[in-house]
Amino acid sequence: MNDSLGIKLLYTFVFVPLIAFGAFITIIITSFSIANSFLIPLILITAVGCILFFIVAVFKLAPKKPLRISAISFFSLCILGFLSVWIYESYQANLVMVEEHEVNLYSYQPFREDTKAVSLEAEATLKLEDNLPVLDGATALYPVYAAFARAVYPEKDYDPYWEGRSEVLASKTNYAYDNLLNGKVDIIFTAGPSQRQLIQAENRGVELDLTPIGREAFVFFVNARNPVESLTIEQIQGIYSGEITNWSEVGGNNETIRAFQRPDDSGSQTALENLMGDIPLMEAPSEDVVGGMGGIINQTANYRNHRNAIGYSFRYFSTEMVEDGEIRHLKVEGVFPDKETIRNGQYPIAAEFYAITAGTENPHVEALIDWILSEQGQYIIEKTGYVPLH
């Protein structure tokens, strides 16, 4: 009797930790899934169930037949749960996303053999050979300033992600501002700063110098099957404040509006905040992702093209850098965003983008900005797909 109990306890001390360890490893692996917020509780429930059924079976704490029926029912539900998560993940994976990471910036590198960066038809009137100003900026503007570098800088490899070794970086708007304020770069190319970024500059005793170099439209887009084609600014403000929650309120189907947002201090999020004025933004849709040290954190979800979704970006990024017929741009106040309506001022949410400095001592910065404002620099802005100042 004691030997039998000892064997049962041995089995328990061996297999229960193995089950727990297996569940832990599975959680670590599946943490990288887009649906990990569903998978992790399901794995924990399955592991606890396995442990309980193992203990009950080993110590014969319940009759065999009810135990068998309970185990089959429990594990069938677990399998159904995992299948449901898999179907959900497959559905999510097939939805079009609009996020900066999906753009291959290497295809716009200044001197790549098959680069998409535009070229001047004649030799640039400015050529720099040393003390190159370090450039950084928004993803959507990288094709523009990469083309500036192609025209003016010496030919070599400018890796957009090689901070400290490349003079032409693409860190995205929020990190570009950090690099500028920390003196790591000389010029950044972005939309205007957010209020938080202005406060950061003031706290560091840094004065931002903004030079307008072109114009761009702030655009909103929906699923191509959404019947809504135009919104007013007041309706957009209503949607993003949470006052308007159903597409039927703006002439669409009877579906709840899923209004995606971008992370704080990104260029497009700052543009939305400027559009909202004093109207508070509603809480953004979010998702659980893997953070540092393998932990789970909650962050703003990237736009996914659900039939009831609405998102926003800048026109060039969403038309040239992310091409997809499943997403349709909305008119705003009845005006469609294109180069002509930006140029003539008809599109109501158009704004300038800037070359921004913060007290750099680089001797070539002023000459480079003057050249950008010249006919050649403005030609590059036009040729790339943006609207020049003149």
Protein backbone atom coordinates (compact mmCIF):
# COMPACT_ATOMS: atom_id res chain seq x y z
CA MET A 1 0.00 0.00 0.00
CA ASN A 2 2.76 2.44 0.94
CA ASP A 3 4.73 1.41 -2.17
CA SER A 4 1.68 2.13 -4.31
CA LEU A 5 1.25 5.55 -2.70
CA GLY A 6 4.94 6.28 -3.14
CA ILE A 7 4.77 5.47 -6.86
CA LYS A 8 1.70 7.72 -7.24
CA LEU A 9 3.46 10.57 -5.48
CA LEU A 10 6.56 10.02 -7.65
CA TYR A 11 4.43 10.19 -10.79
CA THR A 12 2.84 13.38 -9.48
CA PHE A 13 6.14 15.08 -8.61
CA VAL A 14 7.54 14.17 -12.04
CA PHE A 15 4.66 14.75 -14.44
CA VAL A 16 2.96 17.79 -12.86
CA PRO A 17 6.11 19.96 -13.14
CA LEU A 18 6.61 18.64 -16.70
CA ILE A 19 3.08 19.72 -17.64
CA ALA A 20 3.62 23.12 -16.01
CA PHE A 21 6.99 23.56 -17.75
CA GLY A 22 5.47 22.56 -21.09
CA ALA A 23 2.71 25.13 -20.60
CA PHE A 24 5.30 27.82 -19.74
CA ILE A 25 7.36 27.10 -22.89
CA THR A 26 4.19 27.07 -25.01
CA ILE A 27 3.15 30.45 -23.60
CA ILE A 28 6.57 31.94 -24.40
CA ILE A 29 6.38 30.66 -27.99
CA THR A 30 2.78 31.69 -28.61
CA SER A 31 3.33 35.12 -27.05
CA PHE A 32 4.46 36.25 -30.50
CA SER A 33 1.03 35.51 -31.96
CA ILE A 34 -1.31 38.42 -32.79
CA ALA A 35 -4.00 36.63 -30.77
CA ASN A 36 -1.89 35.84 -27.72
CA SER A 37 -4.42 37.55 -25.45
CA PHE A 38 -6.73 34.61 -26.25
CA LEU A 39 -4.10 31.88 -26.43
CA ILE A 40 -2.40 32.47 -23.08
CA PRO A 41 -5.53 32.02 -20.90
CA LEU A 42 -6.50 29.02 -23.04
CA ILE A 43 -3.08 27.39 -22.54
CA LEU A 44 -3.25 28.03 -18.79
CA ILE A 45 -6.75 26.52 -18.55
CA THR A 46 -5.64 23.48 -20.57
CA ALA A 47 -2.54 22.98 -18.40
CA VAL A 48 -4.50 23.26 -15.15
CA GLY A 49 -7.09 20.84 -16.52
CA CYS A 50 -4.37 18.34 -17.48
CA ILE A 51 -2.88 18.52 -13.99
CA LEU A 52 -6.23 18.05 -12.26
CA PHE A 53 -7.30 15.13 -14.45
CA PHE A 54 -3.86 13.53 -14.00
CA ILE A 55 -4.08 13.78 -10.19
CA VAL A 56 -7.68 12.51 -10.10
CA ALA A 57 -6.79 9.58 -12.39
CA VAL A 58 -3.57 8.61 -10.56
CA PHE A 59 -5.12 8.73 -7.09
CA LYS A 60 -8.47 7.30 -8.32
CA LEU A 61 -10.46 10.14 -6.77
CA ALA A 62 -13.44 9.64 -9.13
CA PRO A 63 -15.12 6.71 -10.91
CA LYS A 64 -13.55 5.85 -14.27
CA LYS A 65 -16.59 6.40 -16.49
CA PRO A 66 -17.56 9.93 -15.25
CA LEU A 67 -13.86 10.83 -15.25
CA ARG A 68 -13.49 9.66 -18.86
CA ILE A 69 -16.58 11.57 -19.98
CA SER A 70 -15.42 14.73 -18.17
CA ALA A 71 -11.92 14.47 -19.66
CA ILE A 72 -13.23 13.96 -23.20
CA SER A 73 -15.63 16.91 -22.81
CA PHE A 74 -12.95 19.18 -21.36
CA PHE A 75 -10.29 18.41 -23.96
CA SER A 76 -12.84 18.65 -26.77
CA LEU A 77 -13.68 22.17 -25.59
CA CYS A 78 -9.95 23.00 -25.42
CA ILE A 79 -9.42 21.75 -28.98
CA LEU A 80 -12.44 23.78 -30.12
CA GLY A 81 -10.95 26.82 -28.40
CA PHE A 82 -7.58 26.40 -30.13
CA LEU A 83 -9.32 25.93 -33.48
CA SER A 84 -11.32 29.12 -32.90
CA VAL A 85 -8.13 31.06 -32.16
CA TRP A 86 -6.46 29.63 -35.28
CA ILE A 87 -9.45 30.67 -37.42
CA TYR A 88 -9.37 34.14 -35.85
CA GLU A 89 -5.63 34.48 -36.50
CA SER A 90 -6.09 33.38 -40.11
CA TYR A 91 -8.84 35.98 -40.56
CA GLN A 92 -6.68 38.70 -39.02
CA ALA A 93 -3.68 37.73 -41.15
CA ASN A 94 -5.76 38.13 -44.32
CA LEU A 95 -6.87 41.64 -43.41
CA VAL A 96 -4.96 44.44 -45.10
CA MET A 97 -2.86 46.40 -42.62
CA VAL A 98 -1.53 49.92 -42.90
CA GLU A 99 1.59 50.27 -40.80
CA GLU A 100 4.97 51.78 -41.35
CA HIS A 101 6.86 48.50 -40.93
CA GLU A 102 5.36 47.05 -44.10
CA VAL A 103 7.20 49.56 -46.31
CA ASN A 104 10.58 48.39 -47.61
CA LEU A 105 12.65 51.55 -47.19
CA TYR A 106 15.70 49.85 -48.65
CA SER A 107 14.04 50.17 -52.05
CA TYR A 108 14.41 53.97 -51.69
CA GLN A 109 18.08 53.97 -50.61
CA PRO A 110 19.86 56.83 -52.42
CA PHE A 111 22.41 54.81 -54.40
CA ARG A 112 20.85 51.37 -54.60
CA GLU A 113 21.09 50.12 -58.18
CA ASP A 114 17.32 49.78 -58.62
CA THR A 115 16.35 52.55 -56.21
CA LYS A 116 12.90 54.11 -56.36
CA ALA A 117 14.34 57.43 -55.20
CA VAL A 118 13.93 59.98 -57.99
CA SER A 119 16.85 61.57 -59.81
CA LEU A 120 17.48 65.04 -61.19
CA GLU A 121 17.67 65.43 -64.95
CA ALA A 122 20.76 67.65 -64.57
CA GLU A 123 23.71 67.82 -62.16
CA ALA A 124 22.76 69.22 -58.75
CA THR A 125 23.81 72.82 -58.16
CA LEU A 126 24.95 71.78 -54.67
CA LYS A 127 27.44 68.98 -54.00
CA LEU A 128 28.65 67.97 -50.52
CA GLU A 129 31.69 65.76 -49.99
CA ASP A 130 32.41 65.95 -46.26
CA ASN A 131 30.76 67.03 -42.99
CA LEU A 132 27.53 65.62 -44.37
CA PRO A 133 24.46 66.73 -42.38
CA VAL A 134 22.86 63.68 -40.76
CA LEU A 135 19.25 63.36 -41.96
CA ASP A 136 16.35 61.58 -40.29
CA GLY A 137 12.59 61.76 -40.40
CA ALA A 138 9.18 60.26 -40.99
CA THR A 139 8.81 57.01 -42.92
CA ALA A 140 6.49 58.68 -45.43
CA LEU A 141 9.07 61.39 -46.19
CA TYR A 142 12.08 59.08 -46.52
CA PRO A 143 11.69 58.85 -50.34
CA VAL A 144 11.99 62.65 -50.51
CA TYR A 145 15.09 63.19 -48.41
CA ALA A 146 16.70 60.00 -49.75
CA ALA A 147 16.37 61.63 -53.17
CA PHE A 148 17.94 64.82 -51.78
CA ALA A 149 20.91 62.72 -50.65
CA ARG A 150 21.07 60.97 -54.03
CA ALA A 151 21.43 64.36 -55.72
CA VAL A 152 23.80 66.08 -53.28
CA TYR A 153 25.73 63.51 -51.23
CA PRO A 154 28.68 61.37 -52.37
CA GLU A 155 27.81 57.88 -53.59
CA LYS A 156 28.00 55.21 -50.88
CA ASP A 157 25.74 52.95 -48.82
CA TYR A 158 23.34 54.95 -46.60
CA ASP A 159 21.51 52.32 -44.54
CA PRO A 160 18.27 53.89 -43.21
CA TYR A 161 18.52 51.92 -39.95
CA TRP A 162 22.27 52.15 -39.27
CA GLU A 163 22.31 54.87 -36.64
CA GLY A 164 25.77 56.24 -35.96
CA ARG A 165 27.19 55.12 -39.30
CA SER A 166 24.71 56.37 -41.88
CA GLU A 167 24.00 60.02 -42.67
CA VAL A 168 20.52 59.22 -44.05
CA LEU A 169 18.32 57.53 -41.45
CA ALA A 170 14.62 56.70 -41.18
CA SER A 171 13.74 56.42 -37.50
CA LYS A 172 10.04 57.45 -37.80
CA THR A 173 8.68 60.76 -36.55
CA ASN A 174 8.79 60.26 -32.77
CA TYR A 175 12.32 58.80 -32.72
CA ALA A 176 13.53 61.37 -35.26
CA TYR A 177 12.49 64.17 -32.89
CA ASP A 178 14.31 62.39 -30.05
CA ASN A 179 17.44 62.11 -32.20
CA LEU A 180 17.21 65.80 -33.11
CA LEU A 181 16.76 66.93 -29.50
CA ASN A 182 19.66 64.69 -28.43
CA GLY A 183 21.94 66.16 -31.09
CA LYS A 184 22.34 62.85 -32.96
CA VAL A 185 21.07 64.24 -36.28
CA ASP A 186 21.20 67.66 -37.96
CA ILE A 187 17.93 67.84 -39.92
CA ILE A 188 14.70 65.90 -39.64
CA PHE A 189 11.93 65.85 -42.24
CA THR A 190 8.49 65.51 -40.66
CA ALA A 191 5.17 67.12 -40.05
CA GLY A 192 5.12 69.78 -37.32
CA PRO A 193 5.86 68.75 -33.73
CA SER A 194 3.23 67.64 -31.25
CA GLN A 195 2.60 69.61 -28.08
CA ARG A 196 4.54 66.97 -26.13
CA GLN A 197 7.52 67.35 -28.46
CA LEU A 198 7.43 71.13 -28.11
CA ILE A 199 7.45 70.74 -24.32
CA GLN A 200 10.38 68.31 -24.53
CA ALA A 201 12.33 70.82 -26.62
CA GLU A 202 11.54 73.63 -24.18
CA ASN A 203 12.56 71.53 -21.18
CA ARG A 204 15.92 70.85 -22.84
CA GLY A 205 16.42 74.47 -23.76
CA VAL A 206 16.31 73.62 -27.47
CA GLU A 207 14.67 75.87 -30.06
CA LEU A 208 13.18 74.09 -33.06
CA ASP A 209 13.58 75.86 -36.40
CA LEU A 210 10.90 74.73 -38.87
CA THR A 211 11.38 75.42 -42.58
CA PRO A 212 8.37 74.50 -44.77
CA ILE A 213 9.51 72.57 -47.85
CA GLY A 214 6.29 71.10 -49.27
CA ARG A 215 2.62 70.34 -48.70
CA GLU A 216 0.73 67.13 -48.04
CA ALA A 217 -2.81 65.98 -47.28
CA PHE A 218 -3.94 64.25 -44.11
CA VAL A 219 -6.32 61.54 -45.33
CA PHE A 220 -8.86 59.09 -43.96
CA PHE A 221 -9.59 55.69 -45.48
CA VAL A 222 -12.11 52.87 -45.09
CA ASN A 223 -12.76 49.42 -46.47
CA ALA A 224 -13.52 49.64 -50.20
CA ARG A 225 -16.94 48.06 -49.59
CA ASN A 226 -17.98 50.75 -47.12
CA PRO A 227 -20.69 52.83 -48.86
CA VAL A 228 -19.63 56.04 -47.08
CA GLU A 229 -17.62 58.18 -49.53
CA SER A 230 -17.36 61.53 -47.75
CA LEU A 231 -17.25 62.88 -44.21
CA THR A 232 -17.28 66.39 -42.84
CA ILE A 233 -14.63 67.52 -40.39
CA GLU A 234 -17.33 67.68 -37.73
CA GLN A 235 -18.26 64.04 -38.43
CA ILE A 236 -14.60 62.96 -38.21
CA GLN A 237 -14.29 64.75 -34.90
CA GLY A 238 -17.47 63.03 -33.74
CA ILE A 239 -16.11 59.61 -34.70
CA TYR A 240 -12.77 60.08 -32.98
CA SER A 241 -14.30 61.61 -29.86
CA GLY A 242 -16.65 58.64 -29.52
CA GLU A 243 -19.79 60.72 -30.06
CA ILE A 244 -20.54 59.00 -33.39
CA THR A 245 -20.29 55.23 -32.97
CA ASN A 246 -22.25 53.72 -35.87
CA TRP A 247 -21.77 54.13 -39.63
CA SER A 248 -25.52 54.59 -40.04
CA GLU A 249 -25.14 57.99 -38.33
CA VAL A 250 -23.08 59.22 -41.29
CA GLY A 251 -24.99 57.55 -44.12
CA GLY A 252 -23.47 54.07 -43.96
CA ASN A 253 -24.54 50.60 -42.89
CA ASN A 254 -25.76 49.74 -39.42
CA GLU A 255 -22.31 48.73 -38.14
CA THR A 256 -20.28 49.86 -35.14
CA ILE A 257 -17.39 52.10 -36.21
CA ARG A 258 -13.94 50.77 -35.39
CA ALA A 259 -11.76 53.89 -35.39
CA PHE A 260 -8.06 53.02 -35.41
CA GLN A 261 -5.42 55.43 -34.17
CA ARG A 262 -1.63 55.74 -34.35
CA PRO A 263 0.87 55.85 -31.45
CA ASP A 264 1.44 59.16 -29.65
CA ASP A 265 3.90 61.58 -31.27
CA SER A 266 3.75 59.89 -34.67
CA GLY A 267 3.22 62.43 -37.44
CA SER A 268 -0.26 61.21 -38.33
CA GLN A 269 -1.38 61.08 -34.68
CA THR A 270 -0.21 64.66 -34.19
CA ALA A 271 -2.20 65.63 -37.31
CA LEU A 272 -5.30 63.99 -35.82
CA GLU A 273 -4.79 65.78 -32.50
CA ASN A 274 -4.49 69.08 -34.37
CA LEU A 275 -7.69 68.31 -36.26
CA MET A 276 -9.52 67.50 -33.02
CA GLY A 277 -8.46 70.78 -31.37
CA ASP A 278 -9.85 70.87 -27.84
CA ILE A 279 -12.10 67.84 -28.42
CA PRO A 280 -10.77 64.85 -26.40
CA LEU A 281 -9.82 61.73 -28.33
CA MET A 282 -11.56 58.48 -27.45
CA GLU A 283 -9.51 55.46 -26.37
CA ALA A 284 -7.89 53.74 -29.34
CA PRO A 285 -8.30 50.06 -30.26
CA SER A 286 -5.33 48.17 -28.86
CA GLU A 287 -3.66 44.79 -28.91
CA ASP A 288 -1.41 42.79 -26.62
CA VAL A 289 2.15 42.42 -27.90
CA VAL A 290 5.39 41.04 -26.57
CA GLY A 291 7.37 43.66 -24.69
CA GLY A 292 10.87 43.70 -23.26
CA MET A 293 12.03 40.57 -21.40
CA GLY A 294 9.18 38.57 -22.93
CA GLY A 295 6.42 40.37 -21.05
CA ILE A 296 3.04 41.23 -22.54
CA ILE A 297 2.26 44.92 -23.02
CA ASN A 298 -0.72 46.76 -24.47
CA GLN A 299 -0.17 49.11 -27.41
CA THR A 300 -2.18 50.99 -30.00
CA ALA A 301 -3.30 48.60 -32.72
CA ASN A 302 -2.29 49.20 -36.33
CA TYR A 303 -5.09 49.75 -38.82
CA ARG A 304 -6.70 46.52 -39.99
CA ASN A 305 -9.10 46.70 -42.87
CA HIS A 306 -12.25 45.40 -41.19
CA ARG A 307 -15.43 46.31 -43.08
CA ASN A 308 -16.37 48.70 -40.27
CA ALA A 309 -12.89 50.25 -39.82
CA ILE A 310 -11.63 53.77 -40.41
CA GLY A 311 -8.00 54.85 -40.33
CA TYR A 312 -5.80 57.75 -41.37
CA SER A 313 -2.36 58.59 -42.70
CA PHE A 314 -0.76 60.98 -45.15
CA ARG A 315 -1.77 60.78 -48.80
CA TYR A 316 1.61 59.83 -50.28
CA PHE A 317 2.21 57.04 -47.77
CA SER A 318 -1.23 55.49 -48.27
CA THR A 319 -1.26 55.80 -52.08
CA GLU A 320 2.33 55.41 -53.25
CA MET A 321 4.14 53.48 -50.52
CA VAL A 322 1.17 51.26 -49.55
CA GLU A 323 -0.81 50.36 -52.64
CA ASP A 324 -3.99 48.42 -52.08
CA GLY A 325 -7.34 48.48 -53.85
CA GLU A 326 -9.14 47.15 -50.78
CA ILE A 327 -8.76 50.52 -49.04
CA ARG A 328 -10.55 53.64 -50.28
CA HIS A 329 -9.79 57.25 -49.40
CA LEU A 330 -12.66 59.38 -48.18
CA LYS A 331 -13.55 62.80 -49.42
CA VAL A 332 -13.52 65.43 -46.67
CA GLU A 333 -16.16 68.17 -46.96
CA GLY A 334 -16.89 66.67 -50.39
CA VAL A 335 -13.32 67.13 -51.69
CA PHE A 336 -11.12 64.19 -52.67
CA PRO A 337 -7.45 64.39 -51.59
CA ASP A 338 -5.15 64.59 -54.61
CA LYS A 339 -2.24 66.76 -55.68
CA GLU A 340 -4.45 69.30 -57.43
CA THR A 341 -6.85 69.85 -54.51
CA ILE A 342 -3.85 70.15 -52.18
CA ARG A 343 -2.20 72.65 -54.53
CA ASN A 344 -5.28 74.85 -54.96
CA GLY A 345 -6.29 74.67 -51.30
CA GLN A 346 -9.65 72.97 -51.85
CA TYR A 347 -8.86 69.92 -49.74
CA PRO A 348 -9.43 71.15 -46.17
CA ILE A 349 -6.85 69.07 -44.26
CA ALA A 350 -3.64 69.87 -46.09
CA ALA A 351 -0.58 71.11 -44.28
CA GLU A 352 3.08 71.86 -44.81
CA PHE A 353 5.87 69.45 -43.94
CA TYR A 354 9.22 70.70 -42.76
CA ALA A 355 12.97 70.49 -42.64
CA ILE A 356 13.55 70.93 -38.90
CA THR A 357 16.78 71.81 -37.12
CA ALA A 358 17.67 72.44 -33.49
CA GLY A 359 20.81 74.52 -33.33
CA THR A 360 23.13 72.27 -35.30
CA GLU A 361 26.69 73.46 -35.89
CA ASN A 362 27.09 71.56 -39.16
CA PRO A 363 28.43 74.08 -41.71
CA HIS A 364 26.40 72.68 -44.63
CA VAL A 365 22.88 72.62 -43.14
CA GLU A 366 21.88 76.12 -44.26
CA ALA A 367 23.15 75.53 -47.80
CA LEU A 368 21.30 72.19 -48.01
CA ILE A 369 18.00 73.70 -46.87
CA ASP A 370 18.41 76.59 -49.31
CA TRP A 371 18.98 74.05 -52.08
CA ILE A 372 15.85 72.10 -51.03
CA LEU A 373 13.87 75.31 -51.46
CA SER A 374 15.45 75.89 -54.87
CA GLU A 375 13.97 74.79 -58.18
CA GLN A 376 15.89 71.50 -58.07
CA GLY A 377 14.84 70.62 -54.53
CA GLN A 378 11.22 71.46 -55.25
CA TYR A 379 11.42 69.40 -58.45
CA ILE A 380 12.38 66.36 -56.35
CA ILE A 381 9.43 66.95 -54.02
CA GLU A 382 7.07 67.17 -57.01
CA LYS A 383 8.60 64.19 -58.80
CA THR A 384 8.45 62.03 -55.69
CA GLY A 385 4.71 62.61 -55.42
CA TYR A 386 4.28 65.45 -52.97
CA VAL A 387 3.14 69.02 -53.60
CA PRO A 388 5.97 71.59 -53.72
CA LEU A 389 5.70 75.06 -52.24
CA HIS A 390 6.02 76.69 -55.68
